[in-house]
Amino acid sequence: MPKMKTRKAATKRFGLTGTGKVRRNKAFANHILTKKSPKRKRNFRGTALVHKTQEKKIRTMIAA
């Protein structure tokens, strides 16, 4: 049986932390920013953790 291929789109969007949790970028920060408050835009920066219910699914996608 051949190796499972990595989902390239997933590897670009997700990563692992040092402790093994799955990290993601926050959404809604790309366009139509004029109506969003500075506080809201500031909170879009950085990364967040993937919810535990989705972790297993994403791990299989990014596994090489």
PDB file of N, CA and C in Angstrom:
ATOM      1  N   MET A   1       0.841  -1.182   0.000  1.00  0.00           N
ATOM      2  CA  MET A   1       0.000   0.000   0.000  1.00  0.00           C
ATOM      3  C   MET A   1       0.889   1.249   0.000  1.00  0.00           C
ATOM      4  N   PRO A   2       0.580   2.224  -0.879  1.00  0.00           N
ATOM      5  CA  PRO A   2       1.425   3.422  -0.945  1.00  0.00           C
ATOM      6  C   PRO A   2       1.230   4.324   0.266  1.00  0.00           C
ATOM      7  N   LYS A   3       2.195   5.224   0.430  1.00  0.00           N
ATOM      8  CA  LYS A   3       2.120   6.189   1.525  1.00  0.00           C
ATOM      9  C   LYS A   3       0.954   7.142   1.307  1.00  0.00           C
ATOM     10  N   MET A   4       0.429   7.670   2.408  1.00  0.00           N
ATOM     11  CA  MET A   4      -0.648   8.646   2.323  1.00  0.00           C
ATOM     12  C   MET A   4      -0.056  10.005   1.963  1.00  0.00           C
ATOM     13  N   LYS A   5      -0.652  10.673   1.007  1.00  0.00           N
ATOM     14  CA  LYS A   5      -0.141  11.978   0.597  1.00  0.00           C
ATOM     15  C   LYS A   5      -0.569  13.061   1.580  1.00  0.00           C
ATOM     16  N   THR A   6       0.310  14.040   1.756  1.00  0.00           N
ATOM     17  CA  THR A   6       0.013  15.211   2.579  1.00  0.00           C
ATOM     18  C   THR A   6      -0.914  16.134   1.803  1.00  0.00           C
ATOM     19  N   ARG A   7      -1.889  16.698   2.488  1.00  0.00           N
ATOM     20  CA  ARG A   7      -2.756  17.702   1.859  1.00  0.00           C
ATOM     21  C   ARG A   7      -2.009  19.028   1.903  1.00  0.00           C
ATOM     22  N   LYS A   8      -1.528  19.473   0.763  1.00  0.00           N
ATOM     23  CA  LYS A   8      -0.668  20.665   0.710  1.00  0.00           C
ATOM     24  C   LYS A   8      -1.387  21.918   1.185  1.00  0.00           C
ATOM     25  N   ALA A   9      -2.676  22.028   0.899  1.00  0.00           N
ATOM     26  CA  ALA A   9      -3.429  23.202   1.357  1.00  0.00           C
ATOM     27  C   ALA A   9      -3.468  23.249   2.881  1.00  0.00           C
ATOM     28  N   ALA A  10      -3.573  22.085   3.499  1.00  0.00           N
ATOM     29  CA  ALA A  10      -3.627  22.026   4.961  1.00  0.00           C
ATOM     30  C   ALA A  10      -2.271  22.371   5.576  1.00  0.00           C
ATOM     31  N   THR A  11      -1.182  21.926   4.956  1.00  0.00           N
ATOM     32  CA  THR A  11       0.134  22.215   5.528  1.00  0.00           C
ATOM     33  C   THR A  11       0.449  23.704   5.477  1.00  0.00           C
ATOM     34  N   LYS A  12      -0.142  24.407   4.506  1.00  0.00           N
ATOM     35  CA  LYS A  12       0.077  25.852   4.411  1.00  0.00           C
ATOM     36  C   LYS A  12      -0.734  26.606   5.465  1.00  0.00           C
ATOM     37  N   ARG A  13      -1.830  26.020   5.912  1.00  0.00           N
ATOM     38  CA  ARG A  13      -2.731  26.701   6.840  1.00  0.00           C
ATOM     39  C   ARG A  13      -2.524  26.320   8.298  1.00  0.00           C
ATOM     40  N   PHE A  14      -2.017  25.129   8.549  1.00  0.00           N
ATOM     41  CA  PHE A  14      -1.896  24.634   9.916  1.00  0.00           C
ATOM     42  C   PHE A  14      -0.466  24.268  10.246  1.00  0.00           C
ATOM     43  N   GLY A  15      -0.153  24.321  11.535  1.00  0.00           N
ATOM     44  CA  GLY A  15       1.164  23.913  12.007  1.00  0.00           C
ATOM     45  C   GLY A  15       1.030  23.343  13.400  1.00  0.00           C
ATOM     46  N   LEU A  16       2.110  22.797  13.917  1.00  0.00           N
ATOM     47  CA  LEU A  16       2.088  22.234  15.256  1.00  0.00           C
ATOM     48  C   LEU A  16       2.882  23.114  16.212  1.00  0.00           C
ATOM     49  N   THR A  17       2.417  23.204  17.448  1.00  0.00           N
ATOM     50  CA  THR A  17       3.156  23.926  18.476  1.00  0.00           C
ATOM     51  C   THR A  17       4.209  22.988  19.055  1.00  0.00           C
ATOM     52  N   GLY A  18       5.024  23.504  19.931  1.00  0.00           N
ATOM     53  CA  GLY A  18       6.048  22.686  20.559  1.00  0.00           C
ATOM     54  C   GLY A  18       5.471  21.564  21.400  1.00  0.00           C
ATOM     55  N   THR A  19       4.287  21.793  21.953  1.00  0.00           N
ATOM     56  CA  THR A  19       3.652  20.764  22.782  1.00  0.00           C
ATOM     57  C   THR A  19       2.779  19.819  21.975  1.00  0.00           C
ATOM     58  N   GLY A  20       2.685  20.061  20.655  1.00  0.00           N
ATOM     59  CA  GLY A  20       1.946  19.141  19.787  1.00  0.00           C
ATOM     60  C   GLY A  20       0.522  19.540  19.475  1.00  0.00           C
ATOM     61  N   LYS A  21       0.099  20.720  19.911  1.00  0.00           N
ATOM     62  CA  LYS A  21      -1.247  21.179  19.576  1.00  0.00           C
ATOM     63  C   LYS A  21      -1.239  21.738  18.153  1.00  0.00           C
ATOM     64  N   VAL A  22      -2.418  21.779  17.522  1.00  0.00           N
ATOM     65  CA  VAL A  22      -2.516  22.264  16.149  1.00  0.00           C
ATOM     66  C   VAL A  22      -2.845  23.753  16.170  1.00  0.00           C
ATOM     67  N   ARG A  23      -2.050  24.513  15.418  1.00  0.00           N
ATOM     68  CA  ARG A  23      -2.168  25.964  15.379  1.00  0.00           C
ATOM     69  C   ARG A  23      -2.779  26.384  14.051  1.00  0.00           C
ATOM     70  N   ARG A  24      -3.560  27.471  14.065  1.00  0.00           N
ATOM     71  CA  ARG A  24      -4.168  27.986  12.844  1.00  0.00           C
ATOM     72  C   ARG A  24      -4.095  29.501  12.839  1.00  0.00           C
ATOM     73  N   ASN A  25      -4.277  30.096  11.657  1.00  0.00           N
ATOM     74  CA  ASN A  25      -4.373  31.545  11.555  1.00  0.00           C
ATOM     75  C   ASN A  25      -5.828  31.960  11.730  1.00  0.00           C
ATOM     76  N   LYS A  26      -6.040  33.180  12.159  1.00  0.00           N
ATOM     77  CA  LYS A  26      -7.399  33.668  12.354  1.00  0.00           C
ATOM     78  C   LYS A  26      -7.970  34.180  11.033  1.00  0.00           C
ATOM     79  N   ALA A  27      -9.277  34.074  10.895  1.00  0.00           N
ATOM     80  CA  ALA A  27      -9.959  34.452   9.665  1.00  0.00           C
ATOM     81  C   ALA A  27     -10.457  35.900   9.722  1.00  0.00           C
ATOM     82  N   PHE A  28     -10.969  36.385   8.601  1.00  0.00           N
ATOM     83  CA  PHE A  28     -11.633  37.692   8.453  1.00  0.00           C
ATOM     84  C   PHE A  28     -10.701  38.894   8.524  1.00  0.00           C
ATOM     85  N   ALA A  29      -9.411  38.729   8.260  1.00  0.00           N
ATOM     86  CA  ALA A  29      -8.485  39.854   8.396  1.00  0.00           C
ATOM     87  C   ALA A  29      -7.943  40.349   7.054  1.00  0.00           C
ATOM     88  N   ASN A  30      -8.543  39.969   5.949  1.00  0.00           N
ATOM     89  CA  ASN A  30      -7.943  40.270   4.653  1.00  0.00           C
ATOM     90  C   ASN A  30      -8.522  41.479   3.921  1.00  0.00           C
ATOM     91  N   HIS A  31      -9.830  41.614   3.884  1.00  0.00           N
ATOM     92  CA  HIS A  31     -10.406  42.744   3.149  1.00  0.00           C
ATOM     93  C   HIS A  31     -11.684  43.191   3.840  1.00  0.00           C
ATOM     94  N   ILE A  32     -12.248  44.301   3.351  1.00  0.00           N
ATOM     95  CA  ILE A  32     -13.384  44.972   3.993  1.00  0.00           C
ATOM     96  C   ILE A  32     -13.035  45.280   5.458  1.00  0.00           C
ATOM     97  N   LEU A  33     -11.905  45.951   5.627  1.00  0.00           N
ATOM     98  CA  LEU A  33     -11.417  46.222   6.981  1.00  0.00           C
ATOM     99  C   LEU A  33     -11.893  47.568   7.528  1.00  0.00           C
ATOM    100  N   THR A  34     -12.479  48.406   6.676  1.00  0.00           N
ATOM    101  CA  THR A  34     -12.847  49.750   7.119  1.00  0.00           C
ATOM    102  C   THR A  34     -13.949  49.737   8.163  1.00  0.00           C
ATOM    103  N   LYS A  35     -14.865  48.801   8.067  1.00  0.00           N
ATOM    104  CA  LYS A  35     -15.974  48.753   9.028  1.00  0.00           C
ATOM    105  C   LYS A  35     -15.624  48.006  10.320  1.00  0.00           C
ATOM    106  N   LYS A  36     -14.440  47.411  10.372  1.00  0.00           N
ATOM    107  CA  LYS A  36     -14.037  46.654  11.556  1.00  0.00           C
ATOM    108  C   LYS A  36     -13.230  47.555  12.496  1.00  0.00           C
ATOM    109  N   SER A  37     -13.481  47.416  13.762  1.00  0.00           N
ATOM    110  CA  SER A  37     -12.822  48.281  14.745  1.00  0.00           C
ATOM    111  C   SER A  37     -11.350  47.905  14.883  1.00  0.00           C
ATOM    112  N   PRO A  38     -10.517  48.852  15.314  1.00  0.00           N
ATOM    113  CA  PRO A  38      -9.096  48.558  15.509  1.00  0.00           C
ATOM    114  C   PRO A  38      -8.862  47.402  16.482  1.00  0.00           C
ATOM    115  N   LYS A  39      -9.684  47.325  17.518  1.00  0.00           N
ATOM    116  CA  LYS A  39      -9.539  46.238  18.485  1.00  0.00           C
ATOM    117  C   LYS A  39      -9.813  44.885  17.820  1.00  0.00           C
ATOM    118  N   ARG A  40     -10.836  44.855  17.003  1.00  0.00           N
ATOM    119  CA  ARG A  40     -11.194  43.612  16.301  1.00  0.00           C
ATOM    120  C   ARG A  40     -10.094  43.202  15.328  1.00  0.00           C
ATOM    121  N   LYS A  41      -9.561  44.193  14.600  1.00  0.00           N
ATOM    122  CA  LYS A  41      -8.480  43.902  13.643  1.00  0.00           C
ATOM    123  C   LYS A  41      -7.215  43.441  14.351  1.00  0.00           C
ATOM    124  N   ARG A  42      -6.931  44.025  15.509  1.00  0.00           N
ATOM    125  CA  ARG A  42      -5.774  43.628  16.295  1.00  0.00           C
ATOM    126  C   ARG A  42      -5.894  42.174  16.748  1.00  0.00           C
ATOM    127  N   ASN A  43      -7.099  41.766  17.102  1.00  0.00           N
ATOM    128  CA  ASN A  43      -7.319  40.398  17.557  1.00  0.00           C
ATOM    129  C   ASN A  43      -7.225  39.370  16.437  1.00  0.00           C
ATOM    130  N   PHE A  44      -7.293  39.813  15.189  1.00  0.00           N
ATOM    131  CA  PHE A  44      -7.117  38.885  14.061  1.00  0.00           C
ATOM    132  C   PHE A  44      -5.658  38.497  13.879  1.00  0.00           C
ATOM    133  N   ARG A  45      -4.742  39.297  14.430  1.00  0.00           N
ATOM    134  CA  ARG A  45      -3.320  38.992  14.286  1.00  0.00           C
ATOM    135  C   ARG A  45      -2.940  37.766  15.092  1.00  0.00           C
ATOM    136  N   GLY A  46      -1.838  37.192  14.727  1.00  0.00           N
ATOM    137  CA  GLY A  46      -1.348  36.052  15.492  1.00  0.00           C
ATOM    138  C   GLY A  46      -2.081  34.771  15.154  1.00  0.00           C
ATOM    139  N   THR A  47      -1.928  33.788  16.021  1.00  0.00           N
ATOM    140  CA  THR A  47      -2.508  32.483  15.750  1.00  0.00           C
ATOM    141  C   THR A  47      -3.432  32.059  16.876  1.00  0.00           C
ATOM    142  N   ALA A  48      -4.227  31.041  16.584  1.00  0.00           N
ATOM    143  CA  ALA A  48      -5.118  30.458  17.577  1.00  0.00           C
ATOM    144  C   ALA A  48      -4.954  28.948  17.499  1.00  0.00           C
ATOM    145  N   LEU A  49      -5.528  28.250  18.453  1.00  0.00           N
ATOM    146  CA  LEU A  49      -5.453  26.795  18.447  1.00  0.00           C
ATOM    147  C   LEU A  49      -6.711  26.220  17.817  1.00  0.00           C
ATOM    148  N   VAL A  50      -6.540  25.103  17.136  1.00  0.00           N
ATOM    149  CA  VAL A  50      -7.666  24.398  16.525  1.00  0.00           C
ATOM    150  C   VAL A  50      -8.448  23.716  17.637  1.00  0.00           C
ATOM    151  N   HIS A  51      -9.755  23.686  17.498  1.00  0.00           N
ATOM    152  CA  HIS A  51     -10.597  23.038  18.496  1.00  0.00           C
ATOM    153  C   HIS A  51     -10.309  21.543  18.547  1.00  0.00           C
ATOM    154  N   LYS A  52     -10.412  20.971  19.728  1.00  0.00           N
ATOM    155  CA  LYS A  52     -10.028  19.573  19.933  1.00  0.00           C
ATOM    156  C   LYS A  52     -10.858  18.606  19.085  1.00  0.00           C
ATOM    157  N   THR A  53     -12.083  18.992  18.707  1.00  0.00           N
ATOM    158  CA  THR A  53     -12.913  18.106  17.890  1.00  0.00           C
ATOM    159  C   THR A  53     -12.398  18.007  16.461  1.00  0.00           C
ATOM    160  N   GLN A  54     -11.617  18.992  16.015  1.00  0.00           N
ATOM    161  CA  GLN A  54     -11.091  19.002  14.646  1.00  0.00           C
ATOM    162  C   GLN A  54      -9.639  18.556  14.564  1.00  0.00           C
ATOM    163  N   GLU A  55      -8.973  18.445  15.708  1.00  0.00           N
ATOM    164  CA  GLU A  55      -7.534  18.161  15.723  1.00  0.00           C
ATOM    165  C   GLU A  55      -7.155  16.882  14.998  1.00  0.00           C
ATOM    166  N   LYS A  56      -7.860  15.796  15.254  1.00  0.00           N
ATOM    167  CA  LYS A  56      -7.521  14.499  14.664  1.00  0.00           C
ATOM    168  C   LYS A  56      -7.612  14.552  13.137  1.00  0.00           C
ATOM    169  N   LYS A  57      -8.654  15.191  12.636  1.00  0.00           N
ATOM    170  CA  LYS A  57      -8.867  15.316  11.194  1.00  0.00           C
ATOM    171  C   LYS A  57      -7.737  16.095  10.530  1.00  0.00           C
ATOM    172  N   ILE A  58      -7.322  17.188  11.172  1.00  0.00           N
ATOM    173  CA  ILE A  58      -6.271  18.029  10.601  1.00  0.00           C
ATOM    174  C   ILE A  58      -4.909  17.345  10.684  1.00  0.00           C
ATOM    175  N   ARG A  59      -4.664  16.627  11.775  1.00  0.00           N
ATOM    176  CA  ARG A  59      -3.407  15.882  11.902  1.00  0.00           C
ATOM    177  C   ARG A  59      -3.219  14.866  10.778  1.00  0.00           C
ATOM    178  N   THR A  60      -4.306  14.191  10.402  1.00  0.00           N
ATOM    179  CA  THR A  60      -4.194  13.229   9.306  1.00  0.00           C
ATOM    180  C   THR A  60      -3.914  13.935   7.980  1.00  0.00           C
ATOM    181  N   MET A  61      -4.425  15.149   7.815  1.00  0.00           N
ATOM    182  CA  MET A  61      -4.187  15.895   6.585  1.00  0.00           C
ATOM    183  C   MET A  61      -2.743  16.394   6.485  1.00  0.00           C
ATOM    184  N   ILE A  62      -2.162  16.809   7.617  1.00  0.00           N
ATOM    185  CA  ILE A  62      -0.801  17.370   7.559  1.00  0.00           C
ATOM    186  C   ILE A  62       0.276  16.326   7.802  1.00  0.00           C
ATOM    187  N   ALA A  63      -0.126  15.087   8.113  1.00  0.00           N
ATOM    188  CA  ALA A  63       0.869  14.031   8.322  1.00  0.00           C
ATOM    189  C   ALA A  63       1.532  13.685   6.993  1.00  0.00           C
ATOM    190  N   ALA A  64       2.836  13.610   7.011  1.00  0.00           N
ATOM    191  CA  ALA A  64       3.577  13.315   5.777  1.00  0.00           C
ATOM    192  C   ALA A  64       3.585  11.831   5.476  1.00  0.00           C
TER     193      ALA A  64
END
